Amino acid sequence: MSRPKRIDLPFCLYHVFSRTNSNDISFPDSRDMGKFLKYLGKYALLFSYRIHAWCLMPNHFHLLMESSNQAAISEFMRRLLTAYTIYFNRRHGRHGHLFQGRFKSYVVDKAEYLLALSRYIHLNPSSWSKPKEPQTYHGSSLRYYLQGAAPSFLYTDEILSWFKGDRKQYERYVMEGMNQETKPQIMMQRYIGNQPFVRRLCQRIRQMDKAGSRTSRGQRKRERFLKESEDKKANLLKNRVCDHFQVTPDLLTKGRRLRHDVGKARKVMILLLLEELPWSHKRIANYLGLKGKSIISYHLLQIKNDPAILQAVQTIKLQKP
């Protein structure tokens, strides 16, 4: 049976799940958990995602996350898992993929399942083979719901608003699930919701794909606005890079192999676009007039061993708008 096409929509709530290869341990200690959450916060900001809850278990993790005005869950997760795997392999002296090739993402009926999924995710430590107390488990976002002082990328207000901001009430709600079946029912390998929700979502997707429909026009308008905004930022970065290296903008997009300062400028530009915009390797290659996304990976391999390039990137990022 073939895998269903991933649903990637703006303004949607997702339950994301990923397991490690061969049941490897992915979060051995608090340092590793902290690094994963650092990357999660970085890419949540870059892609404008709201993170409602998480739980990092030894061999898998759960995220409850919500997209805003752009559909980019695949690129978001590619960036997150790649960054953490590179860090993890360096620290622990291993090679290869850490997580299984394809993460799972389920579109969630927010009105019906936001609270239930937050409870299910926060109760994960209690259902592990070596059970932990959910309130004290440091790999979960539950402690921030109960104690406050949440990191900026964790959005607790919406869930707590159902309990009028009373953290004790939310704690009681979560702990009541200890003796219940809290795992959500997944429909058609893609949805967490009832049949009417699935029908509404399928109708929305059909309307987005239908040329001339109101939904399609609205989506195209959002996409044009995002593209214009991102292109404007990319052009600003390009001008800063050119000023820094004293080269002309057209040289960066010639598509040929460049040397000396012009070659360095292109490498800096690639890294800046990757860090400052939610662009895929393919889109960066297109912007710079390069043939194929693989050349971006080639440049990135060179960049990681060049402190001068990394220093130039930091210098340009610190420049005032």
C-alpha atoms as a PDB file:
ATOM      1  CA  MET A   1       0.000   0.000   0.000  1.00  0.00           C
ATOM      2  CA  SER A   2       1.475   3.343  -1.059  1.00  0.00           C
ATOM      3  CA  ARG A   3       1.933   6.119   1.468  1.00  0.00           C
ATOM      4  CA  PRO A   4      -0.627   8.945   1.250  1.00  0.00           C
ATOM      5  CA  LYS A   5       0.526  12.324   0.041  1.00  0.00           C
ATOM      6  CA  ARG A   6       1.442  14.609   2.924  1.00  0.00           C
ATOM      7  CA  ILE A   7      -1.048  17.382   3.626  1.00  0.00           C
ATOM      8  CA  ASP A   8       0.757  20.707   3.875  1.00  0.00           C
ATOM      9  CA  LEU A   9      -1.561  23.676   4.385  1.00  0.00           C
ATOM     10  CA  PRO A  10      -1.429  27.138   5.953  1.00  0.00           C
ATOM     11  CA  PHE A  11      -3.358  27.759   9.159  1.00  0.00           C
ATOM     12  CA  CYS A  12      -3.493  24.107  10.191  1.00  0.00           C
ATOM     13  CA  LEU A  13      -2.765  22.229  13.402  1.00  0.00           C
ATOM     14  CA  TYR A  14      -0.478  19.193  13.099  1.00  0.00           C
ATOM     15  CA  HIS A  15       0.529  16.329  15.315  1.00  0.00           C
ATOM     16  CA  VAL A  16       4.051  15.397  14.184  1.00  0.00           C
ATOM     17  CA  PHE A  17       5.744  12.178  15.215  1.00  0.00           C
ATOM     18  CA  SER A  18       9.135  10.714  14.349  1.00  0.00           C
ATOM     19  CA  ARG A  19      10.949   7.596  15.540  1.00  0.00           C
ATOM     20  CA  THR A  20      14.661   6.810  15.416  1.00  0.00           C
ATOM     21  CA  ASN A  21      16.299   4.258  13.146  1.00  0.00           C
ATOM     22  CA  SER A  22      16.708   0.812  14.699  1.00  0.00           C
ATOM     23  CA  ASN A  23      15.306   2.105  17.995  1.00  0.00           C
ATOM     24  CA  ASP A  24      18.449   4.195  18.608  1.00  0.00           C
ATOM     25  CA  ILE A  25      18.496   6.578  21.572  1.00  0.00           C
ATOM     26  CA  SER A  26      18.124  10.122  20.255  1.00  0.00           C
ATOM     27  CA  PHE A  27      18.002  12.136  23.503  1.00  0.00           C
ATOM     28  CA  PRO A  28      20.463  10.560  25.980  1.00  0.00           C
ATOM     29  CA  ASP A  29      20.652  13.570  28.288  1.00  0.00           C
ATOM     30  CA  SER A  30      19.442  17.099  28.983  1.00  0.00           C
ATOM     31  CA  ARG A  31      22.158  18.627  26.811  1.00  0.00           C
ATOM     32  CA  ASP A  32      20.826  16.809  23.746  1.00  0.00           C
ATOM     33  CA  MET A  33      17.238  17.715  24.597  1.00  0.00           C
ATOM     34  CA  GLY A  34      18.257  21.343  24.997  1.00  0.00           C
ATOM     35  CA  LYS A  35      19.958  21.387  21.605  1.00  0.00           C
ATOM     36  CA  PHE A  36      16.901  19.891  19.893  1.00  0.00           C
ATOM     37  CA  LEU A  37      14.665  22.510  21.526  1.00  0.00           C
ATOM     38  CA  LYS A  38      17.069  25.262  20.492  1.00  0.00           C
ATOM     39  CA  TYR A  39      16.695  24.188  16.865  1.00  0.00           C
ATOM     40  CA  LEU A  40      12.939  23.787  17.306  1.00  0.00           C
ATOM     41  CA  GLY A  41      12.704  27.382  18.524  1.00  0.00           C
ATOM     42  CA  LYS A  42      14.947  28.651  15.730  1.00  0.00           C
ATOM     43  CA  TYR A  43      12.893  27.104  12.952  1.00  0.00           C
ATOM     44  CA  ALA A  44       9.547  27.872  14.594  1.00  0.00           C
ATOM     45  CA  LEU A  45      10.536  31.549  14.402  1.00  0.00           C
ATOM     46  CA  LEU A  46      11.904  31.282  10.870  1.00  0.00           C
ATOM     47  CA  PHE A  47       8.810  29.497   9.507  1.00  0.00           C
ATOM     48  CA  SER A  48       6.297  31.351  11.733  1.00  0.00           C
ATOM     49  CA  TYR A  49       4.977  28.182  13.396  1.00  0.00           C
ATOM     50  CA  ARG A  50       3.329  28.015  16.788  1.00  0.00           C
ATOM     51  CA  ILE A  51       4.524  25.161  19.002  1.00  0.00           C
ATOM     52  CA  HIS A  52       1.744  24.165  21.401  1.00  0.00           C
ATOM     53  CA  ALA A  53       3.390  21.112  23.001  1.00  0.00           C
ATOM     54  CA  TRP A  54       6.258  18.648  22.713  1.00  0.00           C
ATOM     55  CA  CYS A  55       7.586  15.506  24.312  1.00  0.00           C
ATOM     56  CA  LEU A  56      11.060  14.144  23.612  1.00  0.00           C
ATOM     57  CA  MET A  57      11.226  10.447  24.442  1.00  0.00           C
ATOM     58  CA  PRO A  58      14.396   8.309  24.220  1.00  0.00           C
ATOM     59  CA  ASN A  59      13.644   6.891  20.757  1.00  0.00           C
ATOM     60  CA  HIS A  60      10.928   9.192  19.365  1.00  0.00           C
ATOM     61  CA  PHE A  61       9.338  12.604  19.762  1.00  0.00           C
ATOM     62  CA  HIS A  62       5.935  14.283  19.463  1.00  0.00           C
ATOM     63  CA  LEU A  63       5.193  17.867  18.422  1.00  0.00           C
ATOM     64  CA  LEU A  64       1.895  19.716  18.405  1.00  0.00           C
ATOM     65  CA  MET A  65       2.463  22.598  16.007  1.00  0.00           C
ATOM     66  CA  GLU A  66       0.424  25.060  13.973  1.00  0.00           C
ATOM     67  CA  SER A  67       1.282  26.655  10.636  1.00  0.00           C
ATOM     68  CA  SER A  68       0.562  30.298   9.868  1.00  0.00           C
ATOM     69  CA  ASN A  69       0.246  31.828   6.398  1.00  0.00           C
ATOM     70  CA  GLN A  70       2.581  29.484   4.558  1.00  0.00           C
ATOM     71  CA  ALA A  71       2.630  25.749   3.928  1.00  0.00           C
ATOM     72  CA  ALA A  72       6.121  24.539   4.787  1.00  0.00           C
ATOM     73  CA  ILE A  73       5.942  21.610   7.187  1.00  0.00           C
ATOM     74  CA  SER A  74       8.229  19.406   5.066  1.00  0.00           C
ATOM     75  CA  GLU A  75      10.966  22.042   4.849  1.00  0.00           C
ATOM     76  CA  PHE A  76      10.529  22.903   8.544  1.00  0.00           C
ATOM     77  CA  MET A  77      11.053  19.297   9.594  1.00  0.00           C
ATOM     78  CA  ARG A  78      13.876  18.719   7.100  1.00  0.00           C
ATOM     79  CA  ARG A  79      15.779  21.649   8.602  1.00  0.00           C
ATOM     80  CA  LEU A  80      15.051  20.588  12.192  1.00  0.00           C
ATOM     81  CA  LEU A  81      16.006  16.926  11.795  1.00  0.00           C
ATOM     82  CA  THR A  82      19.066  17.657   9.659  1.00  0.00           C
ATOM     83  CA  ALA A  83      20.440  20.235  12.099  1.00  0.00           C
ATOM     84  CA  TYR A  84      19.918  18.000  15.122  1.00  0.00           C
ATOM     85  CA  THR A  85      21.309  14.885  13.415  1.00  0.00           C
ATOM     86  CA  ILE A  86      24.504  16.737  12.418  1.00  0.00           C
ATOM     87  CA  TYR A  87      24.952  17.954  15.993  1.00  0.00           C
ATOM     88  CA  PHE A  88      24.130  14.548  17.482  1.00  0.00           C
ATOM     89  CA  ASN A  89      26.491  12.626  15.188  1.00  0.00           C
ATOM     90  CA  ARG A  90      29.374  14.987  15.965  1.00  0.00           C
ATOM     91  CA  ARG A  91      28.829  14.809  19.695  1.00  0.00           C
ATOM     92  CA  HIS A  92      28.375  11.028  19.880  1.00  0.00           C
ATOM     93  CA  GLY A  93      30.781   9.945  17.146  1.00  0.00           C
ATOM     94  CA  ARG A  94      28.241   8.308  14.881  1.00  0.00           C
ATOM     95  CA  HIS A  95      27.298   8.522  11.202  1.00  0.00           C
ATOM     96  CA  GLY A  96      24.176   8.344   9.072  1.00  0.00           C
ATOM     97  CA  HIS A  97      20.534   9.118   9.657  1.00  0.00           C
ATOM     98  CA  LEU A  98      19.290   9.307  13.212  1.00  0.00           C
ATOM     99  CA  PHE A  99      15.556   9.342  12.525  1.00  0.00           C
ATOM    100  CA  GLN A 100      13.507   7.223  10.151  1.00  0.00           C
ATOM    101  CA  GLY A 101      13.295   8.577   6.637  1.00  0.00           C
ATOM    102  CA  ARG A 102       9.779  10.011   6.712  1.00  0.00           C
ATOM    103  CA  PHE A 103       8.268  11.730   9.717  1.00  0.00           C
ATOM    104  CA  LYS A 104       4.536  11.349  10.284  1.00  0.00           C
ATOM    105  CA  SER A 105       2.232  14.347  10.332  1.00  0.00           C
ATOM    106  CA  TYR A 106      -1.496  14.295  11.001  1.00  0.00           C
ATOM    107  CA  VAL A 107      -3.810  17.222  10.340  1.00  0.00           C
ATOM    108  CA  VAL A 108      -5.805  17.871  13.507  1.00  0.00           C
ATOM    109  CA  ASP A 109      -9.333  19.154  14.062  1.00  0.00           C
ATOM    110  CA  LYS A 110      -8.231  21.951  16.360  1.00  0.00           C
ATOM    111  CA  ALA A 111     -11.658  22.700  17.802  1.00  0.00           C
ATOM    112  CA  GLU A 112     -12.102  19.118  19.009  1.00  0.00           C
ATOM    113  CA  TYR A 113      -8.607  17.769  19.649  1.00  0.00           C
ATOM    114  CA  LEU A 114      -6.263  20.591  20.693  1.00  0.00           C
ATOM    115  CA  LEU A 115      -6.687  19.842  24.403  1.00  0.00           C
ATOM    116  CA  ALA A 116      -6.860  16.069  23.996  1.00  0.00           C
ATOM    117  CA  LEU A 117      -3.647  15.932  21.986  1.00  0.00           C
ATOM    118  CA  SER A 118      -1.796  18.180  24.419  1.00  0.00           C
ATOM    119  CA  ARG A 119      -2.790  15.751  27.171  1.00  0.00           C
ATOM    120  CA  TYR A 120      -1.780  12.691  25.144  1.00  0.00           C
ATOM    121  CA  ILE A 121       1.630  14.204  24.329  1.00  0.00           C
ATOM    122  CA  HIS A 122       2.258  15.326  27.902  1.00  0.00           C
ATOM    123  CA  LEU A 123       1.355  11.874  29.256  1.00  0.00           C
ATOM    124  CA  ASN A 124       3.843  10.045  27.025  1.00  0.00           C
ATOM    125  CA  PRO A 125       6.473   9.620  29.792  1.00  0.00           C
ATOM    126  CA  SER A 126       3.969   7.692  31.924  1.00  0.00           C
ATOM    127  CA  SER A 127       3.343   5.113  29.182  1.00  0.00           C
ATOM    128  CA  TRP A 128       7.023   4.425  28.477  1.00  0.00           C
ATOM    129  CA  SER A 129       8.539   1.030  29.359  1.00  0.00           C
ATOM    130  CA  LYS A 130      10.315   2.837  32.213  1.00  0.00           C
ATOM    131  CA  PRO A 131       7.518   5.155  33.361  1.00  0.00           C
ATOM    132  CA  LYS A 132       8.308   8.684  34.507  1.00  0.00           C
ATOM    133  CA  GLU A 133       6.167  11.220  36.328  1.00  0.00           C
ATOM    134  CA  PRO A 134       4.796  13.527  33.597  1.00  0.00           C
ATOM    135  CA  GLN A 135       5.008  16.634  35.823  1.00  0.00           C
ATOM    136  CA  THR A 136       8.745  16.191  36.437  1.00  0.00           C
ATOM    137  CA  TYR A 137       9.858  14.839  33.054  1.00  0.00           C
ATOM    138  CA  HIS A 138      12.286  17.393  31.602  1.00  0.00           C
ATOM    139  CA  GLY A 139      11.810  16.336  27.983  1.00  0.00           C
ATOM    140  CA  SER A 140       8.228  17.596  27.947  1.00  0.00           C
ATOM    141  CA  SER A 141       6.597  21.019  27.671  1.00  0.00           C
ATOM    142  CA  LEU A 142       4.208  20.136  30.516  1.00  0.00           C
ATOM    143  CA  ARG A 143       6.403  21.740  33.177  1.00  0.00           C
ATOM    144  CA  TYR A 144       6.030  25.119  31.455  1.00  0.00           C
ATOM    145  CA  TYR A 145       2.258  24.772  31.481  1.00  0.00           C
ATOM    146  CA  LEU A 146       2.339  24.042  35.195  1.00  0.00           C
ATOM    147  CA  GLN A 147       5.124  26.391  36.334  1.00  0.00           C
ATOM    148  CA  GLY A 148       5.301  29.149  33.714  1.00  0.00           C
ATOM    149  CA  ALA A 149       8.537  30.698  32.343  1.00  0.00           C
ATOM    150  CA  ALA A 150       7.989  29.058  28.944  1.00  0.00           C
ATOM    151  CA  PRO A 151      10.469  29.692  26.123  1.00  0.00           C
ATOM    152  CA  SER A 152       9.312  32.279  23.600  1.00  0.00           C
ATOM    153  CA  PHE A 153       8.471  29.712  20.917  1.00  0.00           C
ATOM    154  CA  LEU A 154       6.109  27.682  23.158  1.00  0.00           C
ATOM    155  CA  TYR A 155       2.565  29.019  22.855  1.00  0.00           C
ATOM    156  CA  THR A 156       0.721  28.046  26.046  1.00  0.00           C
ATOM    157  CA  ASP A 157      -1.919  30.776  26.118  1.00  0.00           C
ATOM    158  CA  GLU A 158      -4.489  29.113  23.871  1.00  0.00           C
ATOM    159  CA  ILE A 159      -4.639  25.816  25.736  1.00  0.00           C
ATOM    160  CA  LEU A 160      -4.563  27.473  29.162  1.00  0.00           C
ATOM    161  CA  SER A 161      -7.345  29.841  28.102  1.00  0.00           C
ATOM    162  CA  TRP A 162      -9.712  26.849  28.150  1.00  0.00           C
ATOM    163  CA  PHE A 163      -8.987  26.668  31.878  1.00  0.00           C
ATOM    164  CA  LYS A 164      -9.153  30.460  32.380  1.00  0.00           C
ATOM    165  CA  GLY A 165      -5.395  30.493  32.812  1.00  0.00           C
ATOM    166  CA  ASP A 166      -5.554  28.219  35.848  1.00  0.00           C
ATOM    167  CA  ARG A 167      -2.492  25.964  35.656  1.00  0.00           C
ATOM    168  CA  LYS A 168      -3.769  23.696  38.425  1.00  0.00           C
ATOM    169  CA  GLN A 169      -6.937  23.006  36.469  1.00  0.00           C
ATOM    170  CA  TYR A 170      -4.894  22.044  33.419  1.00  0.00           C
ATOM    171  CA  GLU A 171      -2.742  19.764  35.588  1.00  0.00           C
ATOM    172  CA  ARG A 172      -5.861  18.017  36.862  1.00  0.00           C
ATOM    173  CA  TYR A 173      -7.125  17.627  33.307  1.00  0.00           C
ATOM    174  CA  VAL A 174      -3.847  16.037  32.205  1.00  0.00           C
ATOM    175  CA  MET A 175      -3.567  13.711  35.188  1.00  0.00           C
ATOM    176  CA  GLU A 176      -7.150  12.519  34.774  1.00  0.00           C
ATOM    177  CA  GLY A 177      -5.924  10.923  31.557  1.00  0.00           C
ATOM    178  CA  MET A 178      -3.569   8.608  33.462  1.00  0.00           C
ATOM    179  CA  ASN A 179      -6.338   6.029  33.779  1.00  0.00           C
ATOM    180  CA  GLN A 180      -7.909   6.619  30.377  1.00  0.00           C
ATOM    181  CA  GLU A 181      -7.175   5.759  26.757  1.00  0.00           C
ATOM    182  CA  THR A 182      -5.844   9.081  25.460  1.00  0.00           C
ATOM    183  CA  LYS A 183      -4.270   8.018  22.164  1.00  0.00           C
ATOM    184  CA  PRO A 184      -6.139   9.784  19.339  1.00  0.00           C
ATOM    185  CA  GLN A 185      -7.806   7.831  16.578  1.00  0.00           C
ATOM    186  CA  ILE A 186      -6.111   8.414  13.242  1.00  0.00           C
ATOM    187  CA  MET A 187      -8.273   8.359  10.126  1.00  0.00           C
ATOM    188  CA  MET A 188      -6.936   7.354   6.706  1.00  0.00           C
ATOM    189  CA  GLN A 189      -3.329   7.716   7.976  1.00  0.00           C
ATOM    190  CA  ARG A 190      -3.639  11.505   7.713  1.00  0.00           C
ATOM    191  CA  TYR A 191      -6.340  12.990   9.943  1.00  0.00           C
ATOM    192  CA  ILE A 192      -7.172  13.334  13.624  1.00  0.00           C
ATOM    193  CA  GLY A 193     -10.822  14.316  13.613  1.00  0.00           C
ATOM    194  CA  ASN A 194     -14.287  13.067  12.773  1.00  0.00           C
ATOM    195  CA  GLN A 195     -15.821  12.471   9.353  1.00  0.00           C
ATOM    196  CA  PRO A 196     -17.290  15.994   8.970  1.00  0.00           C
ATOM    197  CA  PHE A 197     -13.812  17.458   9.646  1.00  0.00           C
ATOM    198  CA  VAL A 198     -12.252  15.211   7.013  1.00  0.00           C
ATOM    199  CA  ARG A 199     -14.921  16.203   4.492  1.00  0.00           C
ATOM    200  CA  ARG A 200     -14.389  19.919   5.210  1.00  0.00           C
ATOM    201  CA  LEU A 201     -10.629  19.597   4.863  1.00  0.00           C
ATOM    202  CA  CYS A 202     -10.902  17.639   1.610  1.00  0.00           C
ATOM    203  CA  GLN A 203     -13.275  20.289   0.287  1.00  0.00           C
ATOM    204  CA  ARG A 204     -10.780  22.987   1.235  1.00  0.00           C
ATOM    205  CA  ILE A 205      -7.995  21.184  -0.611  1.00  0.00           C
ATOM    206  CA  ARG A 206     -10.183  20.754  -3.706  1.00  0.00           C
ATOM    207  CA  GLN A 207     -11.071  24.444  -3.670  1.00  0.00           C
ATOM    208  CA  MET A 208      -7.417  25.444  -3.342  1.00  0.00           C
ATOM    209  CA  ASP A 209      -6.580  23.309  -6.366  1.00  0.00           C
ATOM    210  CA  LYS A 210      -9.517  24.662  -8.387  1.00  0.00           C
ATOM    211  CA  ALA A 211      -8.395  27.568 -10.545  1.00  0.00           C
ATOM    212  CA  GLY A 212     -10.532  30.659 -10.115  1.00  0.00           C
ATOM    213  CA  SER A 213     -12.179  29.611  -6.854  1.00  0.00           C
ATOM    214  CA  ARG A 214     -12.324  32.081  -3.980  1.00  0.00           C
ATOM    215  CA  THR A 215     -10.121  29.818  -1.853  1.00  0.00           C
ATOM    216  CA  SER A 216      -7.604  29.474  -4.676  1.00  0.00           C
ATOM    217  CA  ARG A 217      -7.492  33.223  -5.282  1.00  0.00           C
ATOM    218  CA  GLY A 218      -6.954  33.879  -1.591  1.00  0.00           C
ATOM    219  CA  GLN A 219      -4.133  31.354  -1.437  1.00  0.00           C
ATOM    220  CA  ARG A 220      -2.454  32.771  -4.551  1.00  0.00           C
ATOM    221  CA  LYS A 221      -2.690  36.257  -3.032  1.00  0.00           C
ATOM    222  CA  ARG A 222      -0.994  35.066   0.177  1.00  0.00           C
ATOM    223  CA  GLU A 223       1.701  33.301  -1.821  1.00  0.00           C
ATOM    224  CA  ARG A 224       2.400  36.442  -3.887  1.00  0.00           C
ATOM    225  CA  PHE A 225       2.624  38.549  -0.742  1.00  0.00           C
ATOM    226  CA  LEU A 226       5.020  36.080   0.894  1.00  0.00           C
ATOM    227  CA  LYS A 227       7.166  35.841  -2.229  1.00  0.00           C
ATOM    228  CA  GLU A 228       7.418  39.613  -2.539  1.00  0.00           C
ATOM    229  CA  SER A 229       8.306  39.955   1.134  1.00  0.00           C
ATOM    230  CA  GLU A 230      10.914  37.182   1.015  1.00  0.00           C
ATOM    231  CA  ASP A 231      12.430  38.414  -2.259  1.00  0.00           C
ATOM    232  CA  LYS A 232      12.729  41.876  -0.745  1.00  0.00           C
ATOM    233  CA  LYS A 233      14.628  40.458   2.228  1.00  0.00           C
ATOM    234  CA  ALA A 234      16.814  38.315  -0.050  1.00  0.00           C
ATOM    235  CA  ASN A 235      17.694  41.370  -2.161  1.00  0.00           C
ATOM    236  CA  LEU A 236      18.573  43.321   0.983  1.00  0.00           C
ATOM    237  CA  LEU A 237      20.900  40.509   2.072  1.00  0.00           C
ATOM    238  CA  LYS A 238      22.451  40.397  -1.400  1.00  0.00           C
ATOM    239  CA  ASN A 239      23.187  44.109  -1.294  1.00  0.00           C
ATOM    240  CA  ARG A 240      24.820  43.771   2.120  1.00  0.00           C
ATOM    241  CA  VAL A 241      26.964  40.864   0.921  1.00  0.00           C
ATOM    242  CA  CYS A 242      28.037  42.821  -2.163  1.00  0.00           C
ATOM    243  CA  ASP A 243      28.916  45.882  -0.067  1.00  0.00           C
ATOM    244  CA  HIS A 244      30.919  43.707   2.316  1.00  0.00           C
ATOM    245  CA  PHE A 245      32.963  42.046  -0.451  1.00  0.00           C
ATOM    246  CA  GLN A 246      32.924  45.003  -2.830  1.00  0.00           C
ATOM    247  CA  VAL A 247      31.434  43.042  -5.729  1.00  0.00           C
ATOM    248  CA  THR A 248      28.471  43.729  -8.011  1.00  0.00           C
ATOM    249  CA  PRO A 249      25.142  41.892  -7.461  1.00  0.00           C
ATOM    250  CA  ASP A 250      25.028  40.401 -10.952  1.00  0.00           C
ATOM    251  CA  LEU A 251      28.235  38.469 -10.305  1.00  0.00           C
ATOM    252  CA  LEU A 252      26.538  36.373  -7.616  1.00  0.00           C
ATOM    253  CA  THR A 253      23.931  35.054 -10.046  1.00  0.00           C
ATOM    254  CA  LYS A 254      26.084  34.177 -13.034  1.00  0.00           C
ATOM    255  CA  GLY A 255      25.749  30.464 -12.372  1.00  0.00           C
ATOM    256  CA  ARG A 256      29.398  29.648 -13.000  1.00  0.00           C
ATOM    257  CA  ARG A 257      32.194  28.655 -10.625  1.00  0.00           C
ATOM    258  CA  LEU A 258      33.478  31.778  -8.923  1.00  0.00           C
ATOM    259  CA  ARG A 259      36.826  32.400  -7.271  1.00  0.00           C
ATOM    260  CA  HIS A 260      38.390  34.667  -4.687  1.00  0.00           C
ATOM    261  CA  ASP A 261      36.114  37.293  -3.106  1.00  0.00           C
ATOM    262  CA  VAL A 262      33.237  36.666  -5.504  1.00  0.00           C
ATOM    263  CA  GLY A 263      33.249  32.957  -4.641  1.00  0.00           C
ATOM    264  CA  LYS A 264      33.323  33.784  -0.936  1.00  0.00           C
ATOM    265  CA  ALA A 265      30.469  36.249  -1.407  1.00  0.00           C
ATOM    266  CA  ARG A 266      28.306  33.562  -3.005  1.00  0.00           C
ATOM    267  CA  LYS A 267      28.993  31.120  -0.158  1.00  0.00           C
ATOM    268  CA  VAL A 268      28.105  33.784   2.392  1.00  0.00           C
ATOM    269  CA  MET A 269      24.950  34.557   0.444  1.00  0.00           C
ATOM    270  CA  ILE A 270      23.907  30.897   0.449  1.00  0.00           C
ATOM    271  CA  LEU A 271      24.322  30.602   4.213  1.00  0.00           C
ATOM    272  CA  LEU A 272      22.497  33.864   4.881  1.00  0.00           C
ATOM    273  CA  LEU A 273      19.547  32.837   2.720  1.00  0.00           C
ATOM    274  CA  LEU A 274      19.405  29.515   4.538  1.00  0.00           C
ATOM    275  CA  GLU A 275      19.483  31.106   7.984  1.00  0.00           C
ATOM    276  CA  GLU A 276      17.279  34.124   7.346  1.00  0.00           C
ATOM    277  CA  LEU A 277      14.574  32.756   5.043  1.00  0.00           C
ATOM    278  CA  PRO A 278      12.427  29.579   5.019  1.00  0.00           C
ATOM    279  CA  TRP A 279      13.732  28.641   1.573  1.00  0.00           C
ATOM    280  CA  SER A 280      14.528  25.157   0.318  1.00  0.00           C
ATOM    281  CA  HIS A 281      17.855  24.385  -1.374  1.00  0.00           C
ATOM    282  CA  LYS A 282      16.012  24.379  -4.696  1.00  0.00           C
ATOM    283  CA  ARG A 283      14.646  27.879  -4.207  1.00  0.00           C
ATOM    284  CA  ILE A 284      18.046  29.217  -3.128  1.00  0.00           C
ATOM    285  CA  ALA A 285      19.619  27.674  -6.228  1.00  0.00           C
ATOM    286  CA  ASN A 286      16.975  29.275  -8.441  1.00  0.00           C
ATOM    287  CA  TYR A 287      17.468  32.680  -6.819  1.00  0.00           C
ATOM    288  CA  LEU A 288      21.239  32.528  -7.387  1.00  0.00           C
ATOM    289  CA  GLY A 289      20.943  31.128 -10.908  1.00  0.00           C
ATOM    290  CA  LEU A 290      22.581  27.817  -9.989  1.00  0.00           C
ATOM    291  CA  LYS A 291      21.876  24.503 -11.675  1.00  0.00           C
ATOM    292  CA  GLY A 292      20.196  22.143  -9.232  1.00  0.00           C
ATOM    293  CA  LYS A 293      19.818  22.055  -5.464  1.00  0.00           C
ATOM    294  CA  SER A 294      22.758  19.655  -5.008  1.00  0.00           C
ATOM    295  CA  ILE A 295      25.209  22.488  -5.564  1.00  0.00           C
ATOM    296  CA  ILE A 296      23.860  24.181  -2.413  1.00  0.00           C
ATOM    297  CA  SER A 297      24.810  21.111  -0.359  1.00  0.00           C
ATOM    298  CA  TYR A 298      28.272  21.195  -1.994  1.00  0.00           C
ATOM    299  CA  HIS A 299      28.804  24.804  -0.922  1.00  0.00           C
ATOM    300  CA  LEU A 300      27.550  24.120   2.590  1.00  0.00           C
ATOM    301  CA  LEU A 301      30.113  21.350   3.038  1.00  0.00           C
ATOM    302  CA  GLN A 302      32.860  23.841   2.179  1.00  0.00           C
ATOM    303  CA  ILE A 303      31.429  26.558   4.391  1.00  0.00           C
ATOM    304  CA  LYS A 304      31.527  24.502   7.601  1.00  0.00           C
ATOM    305  CA  ASN A 305      35.344  24.324   7.410  1.00  0.00           C
ATOM    306  CA  ASP A 306      35.909  27.995   6.571  1.00  0.00           C
ATOM    307  CA  PRO A 307      35.939  30.278   9.636  1.00  0.00           C
ATOM    308  CA  ALA A 308      36.359  33.369   7.422  1.00  0.00           C
ATOM    309  CA  ILE A 309      33.024  32.654   5.733  1.00  0.00           C
ATOM    310  CA  LEU A 310      31.284  32.098   9.073  1.00  0.00           C
ATOM    311  CA  GLN A 311      32.747  35.329  10.442  1.00  0.00           C
ATOM    312  CA  ALA A 312      31.552  37.274   7.397  1.00  0.00           C
ATOM    313  CA  VAL A 313      28.057  35.861   7.867  1.00  0.00           C
ATOM    314  CA  GLN A 314      27.956  36.997  11.502  1.00  0.00           C
ATOM    315  CA  THR A 315      29.262  40.451  10.594  1.00  0.00           C
ATOM    316  CA  ILE A 316      26.584  40.954   7.936  1.00  0.00           C
ATOM    317  CA  LYS A 317      23.810  39.641  10.200  1.00  0.00           C
ATOM    318  CA  LEU A 318      24.751  42.208  12.848  1.00  0.00           C
ATOM    319  CA  GLN A 319      24.357  45.125  10.440  1.00  0.00           C
ATOM    320  CA  LYS A 320      21.379  47.360  11.169  1.00  0.00           C
ATOM    321  CA  PRO A 321      18.445  47.233   8.701  1.00  0.00           C
END
